[in-house]
Amino acid sequence: MMIFSAGRMIVCCAIVAVTTDTGIKLYARSETSIAQIPSRDRTLIAVECAGAGPNLVIVHGGTGDRTRWKPLFPFFASHFTVCAMDRRGRGASGDSADYSLQKAAEDVAAVVDSRPGTVFVLGHSIGGVCALEAAFLTDKISKLVLYEPPLRDRNHAAVATKMENMIRAGGERASPGDFSTRDRDDFAE
């Protein structure tokens, strides 16, 4: 991996290779850049991006950091501008003494708001909960994927029915703000 520094921005080149019986085969290449985005409380949140196209922000789970998603960058980067962030207190992001889910959601919203245009967000595990909460803080999230979020297993029929009705009425792009706080609480633990 090569790393170039340009002020507060770091650019990395990563080459993914596969070892075969006949040697090493180049599989994909992705150039990345790392930026520090200030959250609402001014804590700096690290985000690494690669590729071109619609924005995809990935929020990692409880352990690890953004580097867990880097092996997938070459695959996403051919279709998206893929950005993996370090959650507060992880990887290259700053930390604060008073951690809360609200601050974690504000961090995700800050990263989303730093991207041009609308953003797809993929949240894994507790990162999914942070992403879900961030969707109530910004209107720039156009798609939200929650992968293994630690949410209470409850009957969400009312929320699902409301979403289906909005889609049928032509509201395919319904935002999370279209749901009340009571609906949001249905997802929380």
C-alpha atoms as a PDB file:
ATOM      1  CA  MET A   1       0.000   0.000   0.000  1.00  0.00           C
ATOM      2  CA  MET A   2       1.283   3.473  -0.868  1.00  0.00           C
ATOM      3  CA  ILE A   3       0.280   6.471   1.228  1.00  0.00           C
ATOM      4  CA  PHE A   4       0.553  10.108   0.122  1.00  0.00           C
ATOM      5  CA  SER A   5      -0.139  13.022   2.451  1.00  0.00           C
ATOM      6  CA  ALA A   6      -1.748  16.256   1.290  1.00  0.00           C
ATOM      7  CA  GLY A   7      -2.493  18.409   4.338  1.00  0.00           C
ATOM      8  CA  ARG A   8      -5.459  16.947   6.249  1.00  0.00           C
ATOM      9  CA  MET A   9      -6.189  14.539   3.391  1.00  0.00           C
ATOM     10  CA  ILE A  10      -4.314  11.249   2.984  1.00  0.00           C
ATOM     11  CA  VAL A  11      -4.474   9.349  -0.304  1.00  0.00           C
ATOM     12  CA  CYS A  12      -3.811   5.597  -0.346  1.00  0.00           C
ATOM     13  CA  CYS A  13      -3.504   3.151  -3.202  1.00  0.00           C
ATOM     14  CA  ALA A  14      -4.494  -0.434  -2.472  1.00  0.00           C
ATOM     15  CA  ILE A  15      -4.098  -3.384  -4.781  1.00  0.00           C
ATOM     16  CA  VAL A  16      -6.074  -6.526  -4.078  1.00  0.00           C
ATOM     17  CA  ALA A  17      -4.472  -9.705  -5.401  1.00  0.00           C
ATOM     18  CA  VAL A  18      -5.375 -13.370  -5.318  1.00  0.00           C
ATOM     19  CA  THR A  19      -2.723 -16.070  -5.035  1.00  0.00           C
ATOM     20  CA  THR A  20      -3.339 -18.927  -7.457  1.00  0.00           C
ATOM     21  CA  ASP A  21      -1.424 -22.077  -8.492  1.00  0.00           C
ATOM     22  CA  THR A  22       0.216 -20.085 -11.261  1.00  0.00           C
ATOM     23  CA  GLY A  23       1.188 -17.089  -9.160  1.00  0.00           C
ATOM     24  CA  ILE A  24      -0.461 -13.843  -8.110  1.00  0.00           C
ATOM     25  CA  LYS A  25      -3.345 -12.449 -10.141  1.00  0.00           C
ATOM     26  CA  LEU A  26      -4.294  -8.770  -9.895  1.00  0.00           C
ATOM     27  CA  TYR A  27      -7.970  -8.608  -9.023  1.00  0.00           C
ATOM     28  CA  ALA A  28      -8.878  -4.988  -8.401  1.00  0.00           C
ATOM     29  CA  ARG A  29      -7.369  -1.633  -7.530  1.00  0.00           C
ATOM     30  CA  SER A  30      -8.816   1.227  -5.565  1.00  0.00           C
ATOM     31  CA  GLU A  31      -7.366   4.635  -4.705  1.00  0.00           C
ATOM     32  CA  THR A  32      -8.648   6.004  -1.404  1.00  0.00           C
ATOM     33  CA  SER A  33      -8.586   9.283   0.468  1.00  0.00           C
ATOM     34  CA  ILE A  34      -9.014   9.838   4.193  1.00  0.00           C
ATOM     35  CA  ALA A  35     -10.633  12.988   5.581  1.00  0.00           C
ATOM     36  CA  GLN A  36     -11.529  14.225   9.070  1.00  0.00           C
ATOM     37  CA  ILE A  37     -15.143  15.449   9.323  1.00  0.00           C
ATOM     38  CA  PRO A  38     -16.148  17.544  12.366  1.00  0.00           C
ATOM     39  CA  SER A  39     -19.217  16.216  14.159  1.00  0.00           C
ATOM     40  CA  ARG A  40     -21.764  18.470  15.838  1.00  0.00           C
ATOM     41  CA  ASP A  41     -19.629  18.660  19.030  1.00  0.00           C
ATOM     42  CA  ARG A  42     -16.477  19.264  16.882  1.00  0.00           C
ATOM     43  CA  THR A  43     -15.092  15.722  17.437  1.00  0.00           C
ATOM     44  CA  LEU A  44     -13.228  14.749  14.263  1.00  0.00           C
ATOM     45  CA  ILE A  45     -14.590  11.653  12.520  1.00  0.00           C
ATOM     46  CA  ALA A  46     -12.302   9.826  10.074  1.00  0.00           C
ATOM     47  CA  VAL A  47     -13.795   8.717   6.774  1.00  0.00           C
ATOM     48  CA  GLU A  48     -12.022   6.913   3.941  1.00  0.00           C
ATOM     49  CA  CYS A  49     -13.480   7.083   0.428  1.00  0.00           C
ATOM     50  CA  ALA A  50     -12.788   5.536  -2.983  1.00  0.00           C
ATOM     51  CA  GLY A  51     -14.459   5.274  -6.361  1.00  0.00           C
ATOM     52  CA  ALA A  52     -16.929   7.394  -8.262  1.00  0.00           C
ATOM     53  CA  GLY A  53     -20.688   7.450  -8.522  1.00  0.00           C
ATOM     54  CA  PRO A  54     -23.519   7.625  -5.999  1.00  0.00           C
ATOM     55  CA  ASN A  55     -22.386   7.978  -2.375  1.00  0.00           C
ATOM     56  CA  LEU A  56     -22.336   4.907  -0.112  1.00  0.00           C
ATOM     57  CA  VAL A  57     -21.338   5.458   3.533  1.00  0.00           C
ATOM     58  CA  ILE A  58     -20.537   2.362   5.609  1.00  0.00           C
ATOM     59  CA  VAL A  59     -20.777   2.430   9.426  1.00  0.00           C
ATOM     60  CA  HIS A  60     -18.899  -0.419  11.137  1.00  0.00           C
ATOM     61  CA  GLY A  61     -20.123  -2.418  14.116  1.00  0.00           C
ATOM     62  CA  GLY A  62     -19.055  -2.515  17.753  1.00  0.00           C
ATOM     63  CA  THR A  63     -15.539  -3.827  17.293  1.00  0.00           C
ATOM     64  CA  GLY A  64     -12.994  -2.860  14.711  1.00  0.00           C
ATOM     65  CA  ASP A  65     -12.975   0.218  12.516  1.00  0.00           C
ATOM     66  CA  ARG A  66     -13.365   1.286   8.886  1.00  0.00           C
ATOM     67  CA  THR A  67     -10.573  -1.054   7.766  1.00  0.00           C
ATOM     68  CA  ARG A  68     -12.907  -4.056   8.155  1.00  0.00           C
ATOM     69  CA  TRP A  69     -14.701  -2.838   5.002  1.00  0.00           C
ATOM     70  CA  LYS A  70     -11.593  -1.914   2.958  1.00  0.00           C
ATOM     71  CA  PRO A  71     -11.251  -5.336   1.275  1.00  0.00           C
ATOM     72  CA  LEU A  72     -14.633  -4.635  -0.378  1.00  0.00           C
ATOM     73  CA  PHE A  73     -13.687  -1.145  -1.613  1.00  0.00           C
ATOM     74  CA  PRO A  74     -12.515  -2.316  -5.056  1.00  0.00           C
ATOM     75  CA  PHE A  75     -15.869  -3.991  -5.660  1.00  0.00           C
ATOM     76  CA  PHE A  76     -18.003  -1.079  -4.439  1.00  0.00           C
ATOM     77  CA  ALA A  77     -15.748   1.577  -6.006  1.00  0.00           C
ATOM     78  CA  SER A  78     -16.634   0.527  -9.540  1.00  0.00           C
ATOM     79  CA  HIS A  79     -20.269   1.530  -8.864  1.00  0.00           C
ATOM     80  CA  PHE A  80     -20.177   4.007  -5.958  1.00  0.00           C
ATOM     81  CA  THR A  81     -18.129   6.577  -4.153  1.00  0.00           C
ATOM     82  CA  VAL A  82     -17.776   4.263  -1.167  1.00  0.00           C
ATOM     83  CA  CYS A  83     -16.862   5.802   2.196  1.00  0.00           C
ATOM     84  CA  ALA A  84     -16.187   3.847   5.383  1.00  0.00           C
ATOM     85  CA  MET A  85     -16.111   5.878   8.575  1.00  0.00           C
ATOM     86  CA  ASP A  86     -14.471   5.235  11.932  1.00  0.00           C
ATOM     87  CA  ARG A  87     -17.056   5.531  14.668  1.00  0.00           C
ATOM     88  CA  ARG A  88     -16.240   7.849  17.576  1.00  0.00           C
ATOM     89  CA  GLY A  89     -13.342   6.504  19.654  1.00  0.00           C
ATOM     90  CA  ARG A  90     -12.344   3.943  17.007  1.00  0.00           C
ATOM     91  CA  GLY A  91      -9.565   3.956  14.405  1.00  0.00           C
ATOM     92  CA  ALA A  92      -8.503   7.464  13.398  1.00  0.00           C
ATOM     93  CA  SER A  93     -11.599   9.241  14.790  1.00  0.00           C
ATOM     94  CA  GLY A  94     -11.540  11.427  17.857  1.00  0.00           C
ATOM     95  CA  ASP A  95     -13.317  10.589  21.093  1.00  0.00           C
ATOM     96  CA  SER A  96     -15.130  12.353  23.904  1.00  0.00           C
ATOM     97  CA  ALA A  97     -15.722  11.539  27.552  1.00  0.00           C
ATOM     98  CA  ASP A  98     -19.504  11.563  27.233  1.00  0.00           C
ATOM     99  CA  TYR A  99     -20.337   8.946  24.594  1.00  0.00           C
ATOM    100  CA  SER A 100     -24.004   8.454  23.697  1.00  0.00           C
ATOM    101  CA  LEU A 101     -26.088   6.981  20.897  1.00  0.00           C
ATOM    102  CA  GLN A 102     -27.174  10.544  20.064  1.00  0.00           C
ATOM    103  CA  LYS A 103     -23.535  11.597  19.519  1.00  0.00           C
ATOM    104  CA  ALA A 104     -22.892   8.457  17.442  1.00  0.00           C
ATOM    105  CA  ALA A 105     -25.906   9.317  15.263  1.00  0.00           C
ATOM    106  CA  GLU A 106     -24.689  12.924  14.947  1.00  0.00           C
ATOM    107  CA  ASP A 107     -21.308  11.568  13.776  1.00  0.00           C
ATOM    108  CA  VAL A 108     -22.960   9.516  11.020  1.00  0.00           C
ATOM    109  CA  ALA A 109     -25.139  12.493  10.035  1.00  0.00           C
ATOM    110  CA  ALA A 110     -22.046  14.736   9.841  1.00  0.00           C
ATOM    111  CA  VAL A 111     -20.304  12.292   7.494  1.00  0.00           C
ATOM    112  CA  VAL A 112     -23.461  11.970   5.370  1.00  0.00           C
ATOM    113  CA  ASP A 113     -23.909  15.756   5.248  1.00  0.00           C
ATOM    114  CA  SER A 114     -20.277  16.173   4.143  1.00  0.00           C
ATOM    115  CA  ARG A 115     -20.970  14.198   0.950  1.00  0.00           C
ATOM    116  CA  PRO A 116     -22.396  15.895  -2.145  1.00  0.00           C
ATOM    117  CA  GLY A 117     -25.936  14.883  -3.083  1.00  0.00           C
ATOM    118  CA  THR A 118     -27.930  12.085  -1.501  1.00  0.00           C
ATOM    119  CA  VAL A 119     -26.285   9.160   0.249  1.00  0.00           C
ATOM    120  CA  PHE A 120     -26.900   5.436   0.651  1.00  0.00           C
ATOM    121  CA  VAL A 121     -25.937   4.234   4.156  1.00  0.00           C
ATOM    122  CA  LEU A 122     -25.002   0.691   5.190  1.00  0.00           C
ATOM    123  CA  GLY A 123     -24.796   0.148   8.942  1.00  0.00           C
ATOM    124  CA  HIS A 124     -23.524  -3.085  10.484  1.00  0.00           C
ATOM    125  CA  SER A 125     -24.499  -4.223  13.994  1.00  0.00           C
ATOM    126  CA  ILE A 126     -24.493  -1.229  16.380  1.00  0.00           C
ATOM    127  CA  GLY A 127     -23.402   0.852  13.372  1.00  0.00           C
ATOM    128  CA  GLY A 128     -26.833   0.015  11.953  1.00  0.00           C
ATOM    129  CA  VAL A 129     -28.516   1.534  14.997  1.00  0.00           C
ATOM    130  CA  CYS A 130     -26.314   4.637  14.648  1.00  0.00           C
ATOM    131  CA  ALA A 131     -27.248   4.834  10.948  1.00  0.00           C
ATOM    132  CA  LEU A 132     -30.957   4.433  11.715  1.00  0.00           C
ATOM    133  CA  GLU A 133     -30.843   7.240  14.270  1.00  0.00           C
ATOM    134  CA  ALA A 134     -28.834   9.421  11.843  1.00  0.00           C
ATOM    135  CA  ALA A 135     -31.655   9.060   9.330  1.00  0.00           C
ATOM    136  CA  PHE A 136     -33.774  11.171  11.696  1.00  0.00           C
ATOM    137  CA  LEU A 137     -31.108  13.915  11.749  1.00  0.00           C
ATOM    138  CA  THR A 138     -30.506  14.471   8.019  1.00  0.00           C
ATOM    139  CA  ASP A 139     -32.639  14.331   4.910  1.00  0.00           C
ATOM    140  CA  LYS A 140     -29.678  13.342   2.694  1.00  0.00           C
ATOM    141  CA  ILE A 141     -30.014   9.588   3.348  1.00  0.00           C
ATOM    142  CA  SER A 142     -31.898   8.165   0.364  1.00  0.00           C
ATOM    143  CA  LYS A 143     -31.376   4.447   1.093  1.00  0.00           C
ATOM    144  CA  LEU A 144     -30.646   2.746   4.398  1.00  0.00           C
ATOM    145  CA  VAL A 145     -29.398  -0.826   4.852  1.00  0.00           C
ATOM    146  CA  LEU A 146     -29.194  -2.243   8.390  1.00  0.00           C
ATOM    147  CA  TYR A 147     -27.079  -5.412   8.513  1.00  0.00           C
ATOM    148  CA  GLU A 148     -27.542  -7.397  11.749  1.00  0.00           C
ATOM    149  CA  PRO A 149     -28.666  -4.449  13.889  1.00  0.00           C
ATOM    150  CA  PRO A 150     -29.217  -5.301  17.577  1.00  0.00           C
ATOM    151  CA  LEU A 151     -32.865  -4.242  17.545  1.00  0.00           C
ATOM    152  CA  ARG A 152     -35.677  -5.694  19.576  1.00  0.00           C
ATOM    153  CA  ASP A 153     -37.672  -8.275  17.658  1.00  0.00           C
ATOM    154  CA  ARG A 154     -41.103  -6.671  17.668  1.00  0.00           C
ATOM    155  CA  ASN A 155     -44.082  -6.546  15.385  1.00  0.00           C
ATOM    156  CA  HIS A 156     -43.470  -3.648  13.013  1.00  0.00           C
ATOM    157  CA  ALA A 157     -46.603  -4.246  10.958  1.00  0.00           C
ATOM    158  CA  ALA A 158     -47.875  -0.679  11.428  1.00  0.00           C
ATOM    159  CA  VAL A 159     -44.600   0.853  10.182  1.00  0.00           C
ATOM    160  CA  ALA A 160     -44.404  -1.635   7.278  1.00  0.00           C
ATOM    161  CA  THR A 161     -48.016  -0.881   6.293  1.00  0.00           C
ATOM    162  CA  LYS A 162     -47.343   2.863   6.378  1.00  0.00           C
ATOM    163  CA  MET A 163     -44.265   2.402   4.172  1.00  0.00           C
ATOM    164  CA  GLU A 164     -46.153   0.200   1.706  1.00  0.00           C
ATOM    165  CA  ASN A 165     -48.982   2.746   1.476  1.00  0.00           C
ATOM    166  CA  MET A 166     -46.506   5.555   0.807  1.00  0.00           C
ATOM    167  CA  ILE A 167     -44.850   3.540  -1.961  1.00  0.00           C
ATOM    168  CA  ARG A 168     -48.211   2.718  -3.549  1.00  0.00           C
ATOM    169  CA  ALA A 169     -49.092   6.429  -3.425  1.00  0.00           C
ATOM    170  CA  GLY A 170     -45.921   7.262  -5.368  1.00  0.00           C
ATOM    171  CA  GLY A 171     -43.730   8.072  -2.378  1.00  0.00           C
ATOM    172  CA  GLU A 172     -40.905   5.671  -3.202  1.00  0.00           C
ATOM    173  CA  ARG A 173     -38.453   8.185  -1.789  1.00  0.00           C
ATOM    174  CA  ALA A 174     -40.120   8.470   1.605  1.00  0.00           C
ATOM    175  CA  SER A 175     -37.709   9.783   4.196  1.00  0.00           C
ATOM    176  CA  PRO A 176     -37.443   8.554   7.780  1.00  0.00           C
ATOM    177  CA  GLY A 177     -38.796  11.982   8.771  1.00  0.00           C
ATOM    178  CA  ASP A 178     -42.130  10.820   7.370  1.00  0.00           C
ATOM    179  CA  PHE A 179     -42.497   8.617  10.458  1.00  0.00           C
ATOM    180  CA  SER A 180     -43.295   9.891  13.908  1.00  0.00           C
ATOM    181  CA  THR A 181     -41.067   9.640  16.980  1.00  0.00           C
ATOM    182  CA  ARG A 182     -43.356   6.886  18.225  1.00  0.00           C
ATOM    183  CA  ASP A 183     -42.560   4.896  15.076  1.00  0.00           C
ATOM    184  CA  ARG A 184     -38.828   5.400  15.625  1.00  0.00           C
ATOM    185  CA  ASP A 185     -39.146   4.191  19.218  1.00  0.00           C
ATOM    186  CA  ASP A 186     -40.627   0.960  17.903  1.00  0.00           C
ATOM    187  CA  PHE A 187     -37.155   0.127  16.548  1.00  0.00           C
ATOM    188  CA  ALA A 188     -35.179   0.869  19.731  1.00  0.00           C
ATOM    189  CA  GLU A 189     -34.173  -1.577  22.387  1.00  0.00           C
END
